[in-house]
């Protein structure tokens, strides 16, 4: 992982701070396993449409993927080097990770 934080576009509002950035896929840290059916469905949809509809949610300091493991793996398998992510402060009370 690089020593510096990714360059990002910042969105502030309603007590939440979001940074949208392009990050090298290999710098993202996954902590969940992928489910084959979901992974292949994402990959086929992205390959067909050429569009990633929403960024993955990533811890700003750690680059741990909080939401979007299947999208990361789909883009990685499609040969993408970078992906759009939303960097958040995992410790912020405004951030809730849920199933």
PDB file of N, CA and C in Angstrom:
ATOM      1  N   UNK A   1       0.843  -1.167   0.000  1.00  0.00           N
ATOM      2  CA  UNK A   1       0.000   0.000   0.000  1.00  0.00           C
ATOM      3  C   UNK A   1       0.890   1.231   0.000  1.00  0.00           C
ATOM      4  N   UNK A   2       0.464   2.268  -0.722  1.00  0.00           N
ATOM      5  CA  UNK A   2       1.263   3.479  -0.786  1.00  0.00           C
ATOM      6  C   UNK A   2       1.195   4.227   0.542  1.00  0.00           C
ATOM      7  N   UNK A   3       2.200   5.073   0.777  1.00  0.00           N
ATOM      8  CA  UNK A   3       2.279   5.793   2.038  1.00  0.00           C
ATOM      9  C   UNK A   3       1.327   6.986   2.077  1.00  0.00           C
ATOM     10  N   UNK A   4       0.948   7.518   0.928  1.00  0.00           N
ATOM     11  CA  UNK A   4       0.088   8.695   0.909  1.00  0.00           C
ATOM     12  C   UNK A   4      -1.362   8.318   0.631  1.00  0.00           C
ATOM     13  N   UNK A   5      -2.265   9.194   1.083  1.00  0.00           N
ATOM     14  CA  UNK A   5      -3.682   8.985   0.841  1.00  0.00           C
ATOM     15  C   UNK A   5      -4.008   9.318  -0.601  1.00  0.00           C
ATOM     16  N   UNK A   6      -4.999   8.657  -1.179  1.00  0.00           N
ATOM     17  CA  UNK A   6      -5.380   8.959  -2.561  1.00  0.00           C
ATOM     18  C   UNK A   6      -5.910  10.384  -2.692  1.00  0.00           C
ATOM     19  N   UNK A   7      -5.669  10.991  -3.844  1.00  0.00           N
ATOM     20  CA  UNK A   7      -6.247  12.291  -4.155  1.00  0.00           C
ATOM     21  C   UNK A   7      -7.734  12.076  -4.365  1.00  0.00           C
ATOM     22  N   UNK A   8      -8.558  12.959  -3.774  1.00  0.00           N
ATOM     23  CA  UNK A   8      -9.995  12.714  -3.818  1.00  0.00           C
ATOM     24  C   UNK A   8     -10.780  14.001  -3.986  1.00  0.00           C
ATOM     25  N   UNK A   9     -12.038  13.833  -4.353  1.00  0.00           N
ATOM     26  CA  UNK A   9     -13.022  14.908  -4.405  1.00  0.00           C
ATOM     27  C   UNK A   9     -13.861  14.771  -3.137  1.00  0.00           C
ATOM     28  N   UNK A  10     -14.022  15.854  -2.391  1.00  0.00           N
ATOM     29  CA  UNK A  10     -14.701  15.792  -1.091  1.00  0.00           C
ATOM     30  C   UNK A  10     -16.138  16.268  -1.168  1.00  0.00           C
ATOM     31  N   UNK A  11     -17.017  15.528  -0.489  1.00  0.00           N
ATOM     32  CA  UNK A  11     -18.418  15.896  -0.339  1.00  0.00           C
ATOM     33  C   UNK A  11     -18.676  16.019   1.159  1.00  0.00           C
ATOM     34  N   UNK A  12     -19.104  17.211   1.600  1.00  0.00           N
ATOM     35  CA  UNK A  12     -19.452  17.429   3.007  1.00  0.00           C
ATOM     36  C   UNK A  12     -20.925  17.772   3.091  1.00  0.00           C
ATOM     37  N   UNK A  13     -21.613  17.139   4.038  1.00  0.00           N
ATOM     38  CA  UNK A  13     -23.009  17.486   4.232  1.00  0.00           C
ATOM     39  C   UNK A  13     -23.665  16.606   5.260  1.00  0.00           C
ATOM     40  N   UNK A  14     -24.625  17.174   5.972  1.00  0.00           N
ATOM     41  CA  UNK A  14     -25.407  16.439   6.959  1.00  0.00           C
ATOM     42  C   UNK A  14     -24.539  15.677   7.956  1.00  0.00           C
ATOM     43  N   UNK A  15     -23.423  16.272   8.356  1.00  0.00           N
ATOM     44  CA  UNK A  15     -22.578  15.666   9.375  1.00  0.00           C
ATOM     45  C   UNK A  15     -21.728  14.509   8.898  1.00  0.00           C
ATOM     46  N   UNK A  16     -21.628  14.328   7.598  1.00  0.00           N
ATOM     47  CA  UNK A  16     -20.817  13.231   7.068  1.00  0.00           C
ATOM     48  C   UNK A  16     -19.816  13.791   6.064  1.00  0.00           C
ATOM     49  N   UNK A  17     -18.655  13.197   6.028  1.00  0.00           N
ATOM     50  CA  UNK A  17     -17.560  13.623   5.149  1.00  0.00           C
ATOM     51  C   UNK A  17     -17.187  12.436   4.258  1.00  0.00           C
ATOM     52  N   UNK A  18     -17.351  12.602   2.959  1.00  0.00           N
ATOM     53  CA  UNK A  18     -17.033  11.534   2.005  1.00  0.00           C
ATOM     54  C   UNK A  18     -15.973  12.019   1.028  1.00  0.00           C
ATOM     55  N   UNK A  19     -15.049  11.170   0.694  1.00  0.00           N
ATOM     56  CA  UNK A  19     -14.041  11.461  -0.319  1.00  0.00           C
ATOM     57  C   UNK A  19     -14.194  10.435  -1.434  1.00  0.00           C
ATOM     58  N   UNK A  20     -14.385  10.912  -2.663  1.00  0.00           N
ATOM     59  CA  UNK A  20     -14.480  10.038  -3.827  1.00  0.00           C
ATOM     60  C   UNK A  20     -13.122  10.057  -4.522  1.00  0.00           C
ATOM     61  N   UNK A  21     -12.562   8.882  -4.800  1.00  0.00           N
ATOM     62  CA  UNK A  21     -11.219   8.810  -5.364  1.00  0.00           C
ATOM     63  C   UNK A  21     -11.074   7.615  -6.301  1.00  0.00           C
ATOM     64  N   UNK A  22     -10.082   7.699  -7.181  1.00  0.00           N
ATOM     65  CA  UNK A  22      -9.664   6.544  -7.970  1.00  0.00           C
ATOM     66  C   UNK A  22      -8.478   5.924  -7.251  1.00  0.00           C
ATOM     67  N   UNK A  23      -8.567   4.626  -6.999  1.00  0.00           N
ATOM     68  CA  UNK A  23      -7.524   3.912  -6.254  1.00  0.00           C
ATOM     69  C   UNK A  23      -7.129   2.674  -7.051  1.00  0.00           C
ATOM     70  N   UNK A  24      -5.845   2.342  -6.989  1.00  0.00           N
ATOM     71  CA  UNK A  24      -5.404   1.100  -7.625  1.00  0.00           C
ATOM     72  C   UNK A  24      -6.057  -0.080  -6.912  1.00  0.00           C
ATOM     73  N   UNK A  25      -6.643  -0.966  -7.690  1.00  0.00           N
ATOM     74  CA  UNK A  25      -7.356  -2.113  -7.131  1.00  0.00           C
ATOM     75  C   UNK A  25      -6.449  -2.940  -6.212  1.00  0.00           C
ATOM     76  N   UNK A  26      -5.192  -3.085  -6.582  1.00  0.00           N
ATOM     77  CA  UNK A  26      -4.280  -3.903  -5.777  1.00  0.00           C
ATOM     78  C   UNK A  26      -3.987  -3.295  -4.403  1.00  0.00           C
ATOM     79  N   UNK A  27      -4.326  -2.014  -4.178  1.00  0.00           N
ATOM     80  CA  UNK A  27      -4.115  -1.384  -2.879  1.00  0.00           C
ATOM     81  C   UNK A  27      -5.285  -1.628  -1.926  1.00  0.00           C
ATOM     82  N   UNK A  28      -6.423  -2.087  -2.460  1.00  0.00           N
ATOM     83  CA  UNK A  28      -7.603  -2.317  -1.632  1.00  0.00           C
ATOM     84  C   UNK A  28      -7.464  -3.628  -0.870  1.00  0.00           C
ATOM     85  N   UNK A  29      -7.859  -3.608   0.395  1.00  0.00           N
ATOM     86  CA  UNK A  29      -7.753  -4.783   1.252  1.00  0.00           C
ATOM     87  C   UNK A  29      -9.135  -5.391   1.457  1.00  0.00           C
ATOM     88  N   UNK A  30      -9.293  -6.638   1.063  1.00  0.00           N
ATOM     89  CA  UNK A  30     -10.560  -7.345   1.205  1.00  0.00           C
ATOM     90  C   UNK A  30     -10.549  -8.155   2.490  1.00  0.00           C
ATOM     91  N   UNK A  31     -11.684  -8.172   3.185  1.00  0.00           N
ATOM     92  CA  UNK A  31     -11.773  -8.954   4.419  1.00  0.00           C
ATOM     93  C   UNK A  31     -12.937  -9.937   4.378  1.00  0.00           C
ATOM     94  N   UNK A  32     -13.612 -10.025   3.237  1.00  0.00           N
ATOM     95  CA  UNK A  32     -14.713 -10.974   3.086  1.00  0.00           C
ATOM     96  C   UNK A  32     -14.443 -11.869   1.885  1.00  0.00           C
ATOM     97  N   UNK A  33     -15.032 -13.041   1.920  1.00  0.00           N
ATOM     98  CA  UNK A  33     -14.953 -13.927   0.767  1.00  0.00           C
ATOM     99  C   UNK A  33     -16.040 -13.548  -0.228  1.00  0.00           C
ATOM    100  N   UNK A  34     -15.821 -13.901  -1.486  1.00  0.00           N
ATOM    101  CA  UNK A  34     -16.846 -13.644  -2.493  1.00  0.00           C
ATOM    102  C   UNK A  34     -17.742 -14.870  -2.636  1.00  0.00           C
ATOM    103  N   UNK A  35     -18.985 -14.618  -2.986  1.00  0.00           N
ATOM    104  CA  UNK A  35     -19.949 -15.675  -3.277  1.00  0.00           C
ATOM    105  C   UNK A  35     -20.016 -15.793  -4.787  1.00  0.00           C
ATOM    106  N   UNK A  36     -19.722 -16.963  -5.321  1.00  0.00           N
ATOM    107  CA  UNK A  36     -19.578 -17.144  -6.767  1.00  0.00           C
ATOM    108  C   UNK A  36     -20.727 -16.559  -7.568  1.00  0.00           C
ATOM    109  N   UNK A  37     -21.965 -16.832  -7.196  1.00  0.00           N
ATOM    110  CA  UNK A  37     -23.116 -16.339  -7.954  1.00  0.00           C
ATOM    111  C   UNK A  37     -23.160 -14.828  -8.008  1.00  0.00           C
ATOM    112  N   UNK A  38     -22.932 -14.170  -6.871  1.00  0.00           N
ATOM    113  CA  UNK A  38     -22.938 -12.705  -6.823  1.00  0.00           C
ATOM    114  C   UNK A  38     -21.780 -12.126  -7.609  1.00  0.00           C
ATOM    115  N   UNK A  39     -20.617 -12.722  -7.453  1.00  0.00           N
ATOM    116  CA  UNK A  39     -19.420 -12.249  -8.153  1.00  0.00           C
ATOM    117  C   UNK A  39     -19.622 -12.303  -9.666  1.00  0.00           C
ATOM    118  N   UNK A  40     -20.079 -13.443 -10.182  1.00  0.00           N
ATOM    119  CA  UNK A  40     -20.265 -13.582 -11.628  1.00  0.00           C
ATOM    120  C   UNK A  40     -21.376 -12.683 -12.143  1.00  0.00           C
ATOM    121  N   UNK A  41     -22.422 -12.485 -11.354  1.00  0.00           N
ATOM    122  CA  UNK A  41     -23.508 -11.589 -11.766  1.00  0.00           C
ATOM    123  C   UNK A  41     -22.991 -10.159 -11.897  1.00  0.00           C
ATOM    124  N   UNK A  42     -22.213  -9.684 -10.921  1.00  0.00           N
ATOM    125  CA  UNK A  42     -21.622  -8.344 -11.002  1.00  0.00           C
ATOM    126  C   UNK A  42     -20.708  -8.234 -12.208  1.00  0.00           C
ATOM    127  N   UNK A  43     -19.867  -9.235 -12.404  1.00  0.00           N
ATOM    128  CA  UNK A  43     -18.916  -9.187 -13.500  1.00  0.00           C
ATOM    129  C   UNK A  43     -19.639  -9.127 -14.852  1.00  0.00           C
ATOM    130  N   UNK A  44     -20.663  -9.951 -15.024  1.00  0.00           N
ATOM    131  CA  UNK A  44     -21.411  -9.949 -16.283  1.00  0.00           C
ATOM    132  C   UNK A  44     -22.118  -8.621 -16.507  1.00  0.00           C
ATOM    133  N   UNK A  45     -22.717  -8.061 -15.458  1.00  0.00           N
ATOM    134  CA  UNK A  45     -23.422  -6.779 -15.590  1.00  0.00           C
ATOM    135  C   UNK A  45     -22.458  -5.652 -15.957  1.00  0.00           C
ATOM    136  N   UNK A  46     -21.313  -5.604 -15.287  1.00  0.00           N
ATOM    137  CA  UNK A  46     -20.321  -4.562 -15.558  1.00  0.00           C
ATOM    138  C   UNK A  46     -19.748  -4.728 -16.959  1.00  0.00           C
ATOM    139  N   UNK A  47     -19.465  -5.957 -17.341  1.00  0.00           N
ATOM    140  CA  UNK A  47     -18.910  -6.217 -18.675  1.00  0.00           C
ATOM    141  C   UNK A  47     -19.913  -5.846 -19.764  1.00  0.00           C
ATOM    142  N   UNK A  48     -21.188  -6.166 -19.537  1.00  0.00           N
ATOM    143  CA  UNK A  48     -22.237  -5.881 -20.521  1.00  0.00           C
ATOM    144  C   UNK A  48     -22.491  -4.381 -20.649  1.00  0.00           C
ATOM    145  N   UNK A  49     -22.635  -3.697 -19.513  1.00  0.00           N
ATOM    146  CA  UNK A  49     -23.007  -2.282 -19.530  1.00  0.00           C
ATOM    147  C   UNK A  49     -21.815  -1.343 -19.641  1.00  0.00           C
ATOM    148  N   UNK A  50     -20.650  -1.797 -19.169  1.00  0.00           N
ATOM    149  CA  UNK A  50     -19.477  -0.929 -19.136  1.00  0.00           C
ATOM    150  C   UNK A  50     -19.554   0.111 -18.028  1.00  0.00           C
ATOM    151  N   UNK A  51     -20.474  -0.106 -17.076  1.00  0.00           N
ATOM    152  CA  UNK A  51     -20.720   0.883 -16.025  1.00  0.00           C
ATOM    153  C   UNK A  51     -20.638   0.233 -14.646  1.00  0.00           C
ATOM    154  N   UNK A  52     -19.928   0.899 -13.744  1.00  0.00           N
ATOM    155  CA  UNK A  52     -19.959   0.536 -12.324  1.00  0.00           C
ATOM    156  C   UNK A  52     -20.882   1.561 -11.676  1.00  0.00           C
ATOM    157  N   UNK A  53     -22.044   1.132 -11.218  1.00  0.00           N
ATOM    158  CA  UNK A  53     -23.102   2.056 -10.793  1.00  0.00           C
ATOM    159  C   UNK A  53     -22.828   2.774  -9.486  1.00  0.00           C
ATOM    160  N   UNK A  54     -22.038   2.188  -8.625  1.00  0.00           N
ATOM    161  CA  UNK A  54     -21.742   2.863  -7.363  1.00  0.00           C
ATOM    162  C   UNK A  54     -20.331   2.500  -6.903  1.00  0.00           C
ATOM    163  N   UNK A  55     -19.676   3.459  -6.237  1.00  0.00           N
ATOM    164  CA  UNK A  55     -18.316   3.174  -5.761  1.00  0.00           C
ATOM    165  C   UNK A  55     -18.353   2.207  -4.580  1.00  0.00           C
ATOM    166  N   UNK A  56     -17.249   1.538  -4.351  1.00  0.00           N
ATOM    167  CA  UNK A  56     -17.148   0.717  -3.148  1.00  0.00           C
ATOM    168  C   UNK A  56     -16.854   1.640  -1.973  1.00  0.00           C
ATOM    169  N   UNK A  57     -17.246   1.225  -0.792  1.00  0.00           N
ATOM    170  CA  UNK A  57     -17.016   2.008   0.420  1.00  0.00           C
ATOM    171  C   UNK A  57     -15.760   1.453   1.089  1.00  0.00           C
ATOM    172  N   UNK A  58     -14.804   2.351   1.336  1.00  0.00           N
ATOM    173  CA  UNK A  58     -13.477   1.942   1.798  1.00  0.00           C
ATOM    174  C   UNK A  58     -13.060   2.796   2.991  1.00  0.00           C
ATOM    175  N   UNK A  59     -12.425   2.182   3.978  1.00  0.00           N
ATOM    176  CA  UNK A  59     -11.872   2.935   5.102  1.00  0.00           C
ATOM    177  C   UNK A  59     -10.790   3.885   4.609  1.00  0.00           C
ATOM    178  N   UNK A  60     -10.907   5.160   4.946  1.00  0.00           N
ATOM    179  CA  UNK A  60     -10.003   6.197   4.448  1.00  0.00           C
ATOM    180  C   UNK A  60      -8.541   5.909   4.778  1.00  0.00           C
ATOM    181  N   UNK A  61      -8.262   5.503   5.991  1.00  0.00           N
ATOM    182  CA  UNK A  61      -6.871   5.295   6.414  1.00  0.00           C
ATOM    183  C   UNK A  61      -6.342   3.913   6.050  1.00  0.00           C
ATOM    184  N   UNK A  62      -7.204   2.903   6.091  1.00  0.00           N
ATOM    185  CA  UNK A  62      -6.747   1.522   5.930  1.00  0.00           C
ATOM    186  C   UNK A  62      -6.913   0.974   4.521  1.00  0.00           C
ATOM    187  N   UNK A  63      -7.823   1.564   3.731  1.00  0.00           N
ATOM    188  CA  UNK A  63      -8.224   1.062   2.412  1.00  0.00           C
ATOM    189  C   UNK A  63      -8.852  -0.332   2.484  1.00  0.00           C
ATOM    190  N   UNK A  64      -9.420  -0.665   3.653  1.00  0.00           N
ATOM    191  CA  UNK A  64     -10.182  -1.903   3.811  1.00  0.00           C
ATOM    192  C   UNK A  64     -11.549  -1.691   3.164  1.00  0.00           C
ATOM    193  N   UNK A  65     -11.972  -2.629   2.333  1.00  0.00           N
ATOM    194  CA  UNK A  65     -13.272  -2.542   1.671  1.00  0.00           C
ATOM    195  C   UNK A  65     -14.354  -2.892   2.685  1.00  0.00           C
ATOM    196  N   UNK A  66     -15.219  -1.906   2.971  1.00  0.00           N
ATOM    197  CA  UNK A  66     -16.314  -2.107   3.918  1.00  0.00           C
ATOM    198  C   UNK A  66     -17.570  -2.590   3.206  1.00  0.00           C
ATOM    199  N   UNK A  67     -17.744  -2.169   1.958  1.00  0.00           N
ATOM    200  CA  UNK A  67     -18.880  -2.599   1.146  1.00  0.00           C
ATOM    201  C   UNK A  67     -18.448  -2.600  -0.309  1.00  0.00           C
ATOM    202  N   UNK A  68     -18.526  -3.768  -0.957  1.00  0.00           N
ATOM    203  CA  UNK A  68     -18.194  -3.821  -2.375  1.00  0.00           C
ATOM    204  C   UNK A  68     -17.176  -4.868  -2.769  1.00  0.00           C
ATOM    205  N   UNK A  69     -16.972  -5.871  -1.940  1.00  0.00           N
ATOM    206  CA  UNK A  69     -15.987  -6.913  -2.253  1.00  0.00           C
ATOM    207  C   UNK A  69     -16.229  -7.542  -3.621  1.00  0.00           C
ATOM    208  N   UNK A  70     -17.497  -7.826  -3.945  1.00  0.00           N
ATOM    209  CA  UNK A  70     -17.800  -8.463  -5.230  1.00  0.00           C
ATOM    210  C   UNK A  70     -17.492  -7.542  -6.403  1.00  0.00           C
ATOM    211  N   UNK A  71     -17.748  -6.237  -6.236  1.00  0.00           N
ATOM    212  CA  UNK A  71     -17.423  -5.283  -7.300  1.00  0.00           C
ATOM    213  C   UNK A  71     -15.917  -5.182  -7.509  1.00  0.00           C
ATOM    214  N   UNK A  72     -15.155  -5.197  -6.412  1.00  0.00           N
ATOM    215  CA  UNK A  72     -13.693  -5.157  -6.523  1.00  0.00           C
ATOM    216  C   UNK A  72     -13.197  -6.378  -7.294  1.00  0.00           C
ATOM    217  N   UNK A  73     -13.649  -7.555  -6.894  1.00  0.00           N
ATOM    218  CA  UNK A  73     -13.202  -8.784  -7.558  1.00  0.00           C
ATOM    219  C   UNK A  73     -13.652  -8.839  -9.021  1.00  0.00           C
ATOM    220  N   UNK A  74     -14.863  -8.330  -9.301  1.00  0.00           N
ATOM    221  CA  UNK A  74     -15.350  -8.317 -10.684  1.00  0.00           C
ATOM    222  C   UNK A  74     -14.448  -7.446 -11.552  1.00  0.00           C
ATOM    223  N   UNK A  75     -14.141  -6.232 -11.079  1.00  0.00           N
ATOM    224  CA  UNK A  75     -13.281  -5.348 -11.870  1.00  0.00           C
ATOM    225  C   UNK A  75     -11.870  -5.902 -11.990  1.00  0.00           C
ATOM    226  N   UNK A  76     -11.369  -6.495 -10.926  1.00  0.00           N
ATOM    227  CA  UNK A  76     -10.030  -7.102 -10.970  1.00  0.00           C
ATOM    228  C   UNK A  76      -9.992  -8.194 -12.046  1.00  0.00           C
ATOM    229  N   UNK A  77     -11.024  -9.034 -12.095  1.00  0.00           N
ATOM    230  CA  UNK A  77     -11.063 -10.119 -13.078  1.00  0.00           C
ATOM    231  C   UNK A  77     -11.317  -9.619 -14.490  1.00  0.00           C
ATOM    232  N   UNK A  78     -11.865  -8.421 -14.633  1.00  0.00           N
ATOM    233  CA  UNK A  78     -12.056  -7.822 -15.949  1.00  0.00           C
ATOM    234  C   UNK A  78     -10.798  -7.085 -16.415  1.00  0.00           C
ATOM    235  N   UNK A  79      -9.773  -7.083 -15.574  1.00  0.00           N
ATOM    236  CA  UNK A  79      -8.494  -6.490 -15.955  1.00  0.00           C
ATOM    237  C   UNK A  79      -8.355  -5.010 -15.648  1.00  0.00           C
ATOM    238  N   UNK A  80      -9.245  -4.460 -14.840  1.00  0.00           N
ATOM    239  CA  UNK A  80      -9.168  -3.044 -14.481  1.00  0.00           C
ATOM    240  C   UNK A  80      -8.046  -2.823 -13.471  1.00  0.00           C
ATOM    241  N   UNK A  81      -7.355  -1.714 -13.622  1.00  0.00           N
ATOM    242  CA  UNK A  81      -6.272  -1.381 -12.700  1.00  0.00           C
ATOM    243  C   UNK A  81      -6.731  -0.437 -11.592  1.00  0.00           C
ATOM    244  N   UNK A  82      -7.672   0.451 -11.895  1.00  0.00           N
ATOM    245  CA  UNK A  82      -8.178   1.430 -10.938  1.00  0.00           C
ATOM    246  C   UNK A  82      -9.674   1.263 -10.768  1.00  0.00           C
ATOM    247  N   UNK A  83     -10.195   1.728  -9.632  1.00  0.00           N
ATOM    248  CA  UNK A  83     -11.644   1.770  -9.459  1.00  0.00           C
ATOM    249  C   UNK A  83     -12.016   2.954  -8.588  1.00  0.00           C
ATOM    250  N   UNK A  84     -13.252   3.411  -8.756  1.00  0.00           N
ATOM    251  CA  UNK A  84     -13.789   4.519  -7.980  1.00  0.00           C
ATOM    252  C   UNK A  84     -14.201   3.999  -6.608  1.00  0.00           C
ATOM    253  N   UNK A  85     -13.756   4.705  -5.573  1.00  0.00           N
ATOM    254  CA  UNK A  85     -14.107   4.325  -4.205  1.00  0.00           C
ATOM    255  C   UNK A  85     -14.609   5.544  -3.450  1.00  0.00           C
ATOM    256  N   UNK A  86     -15.368   5.288  -2.418  1.00  0.00           N
ATOM    257  CA  UNK A  86     -15.802   6.319  -1.482  1.00  0.00           C
ATOM    258  C   UNK A  86     -15.046   6.070  -0.184  1.00  0.00           C
ATOM    259  N   UNK A  87     -14.150   6.993   0.153  1.00  0.00           N
ATOM    260  CA  UNK A  87     -13.340   6.873   1.356  1.00  0.00           C
ATOM    261  C   UNK A  87     -14.107   7.453   2.541  1.00  0.00           C
ATOM    262  N   UNK A  88     -14.247   6.686   3.612  1.00  0.00           N
ATOM    263  CA  UNK A  88     -14.963   7.143   4.800  1.00  0.00           C
ATOM    264  C   UNK A  88     -14.112   6.914   6.041  1.00  0.00           C
ATOM    265  N   UNK A  89     -14.422   7.682   7.083  1.00  0.00           N
ATOM    266  CA  UNK A  89     -13.781   7.496   8.378  1.00  0.00           C
ATOM    267  C   UNK A  89     -14.552   6.409   9.116  1.00  0.00           C
ATOM    268  N   UNK A  90     -13.994   5.227   9.171  1.00  0.00           N
ATOM    269  CA  UNK A  90     -14.656   4.071   9.762  1.00  0.00           C
ATOM    270  C   UNK A  90     -15.064   4.319  11.215  1.00  0.00           C
ATOM    271  N   UNK A  91     -14.334   5.155  11.917  1.00  0.00           N
ATOM    272  CA  UNK A  91     -14.602   5.410  13.334  1.00  0.00           C
ATOM    273  C   UNK A  91     -15.650   6.510  13.546  1.00  0.00           C
ATOM    274  N   UNK A  92     -16.097   7.169  12.488  1.00  0.00           N
ATOM    275  CA  UNK A  92     -17.095   8.224  12.602  1.00  0.00           C
ATOM    276  C   UNK A  92     -18.437   7.646  13.054  1.00  0.00           C
ATOM    277  N   UNK A  93     -19.129   8.314  13.968  1.00  0.00           N
ATOM    278  CA  UNK A  93     -20.444   7.831  14.404  1.00  0.00           C
ATOM    279  C   UNK A  93     -21.482   7.867  13.276  1.00  0.00           C
ATOM    280  N   UNK A  94     -21.198   8.622  12.219  1.00  0.00           N
ATOM    281  CA  UNK A  94     -22.110   8.708  11.094  1.00  0.00           C
ATOM    282  C   UNK A  94     -21.997   7.530  10.142  1.00  0.00           C
ATOM    283  N   UNK A  95     -21.009   6.674  10.341  1.00  0.00           N
ATOM    284  CA  UNK A  95     -20.797   5.505   9.478  1.00  0.00           C
ATOM    285  C   UNK A  95     -21.291   4.270  10.202  1.00  0.00           C
ATOM    286  N   UNK A  96     -22.131   3.502   9.540  1.00  0.00           N
ATOM    287  CA  UNK A  96     -22.658   2.261  10.120  1.00  0.00           C
ATOM    288  C   UNK A  96     -22.459   1.141   9.102  1.00  0.00           C
ATOM    289  N   UNK A  97     -21.818   0.091   9.517  1.00  0.00           N
ATOM    290  CA  UNK A  97     -21.631  -1.074   8.665  1.00  0.00           C
ATOM    291  C   UNK A  97     -22.652  -2.092   9.082  1.00  0.00           C
ATOM    292  N   UNK A  98     -23.450  -2.557   8.117  1.00  0.00           N
ATOM    293  CA  UNK A  98     -24.543  -3.472   8.400  1.00  0.00           C
ATOM    294  C   UNK A  98     -24.564  -4.549   7.339  1.00  0.00           C
ATOM    295  N   UNK A  99     -25.279  -5.581   7.585  1.00  0.00           N
ATOM    296  CA  UNK A  99     -25.403  -6.674   6.624  1.00  0.00           C
ATOM    297  C   UNK A  99     -26.620  -6.475   5.773  1.00  0.00           C
TER     298      UNK A  99
END
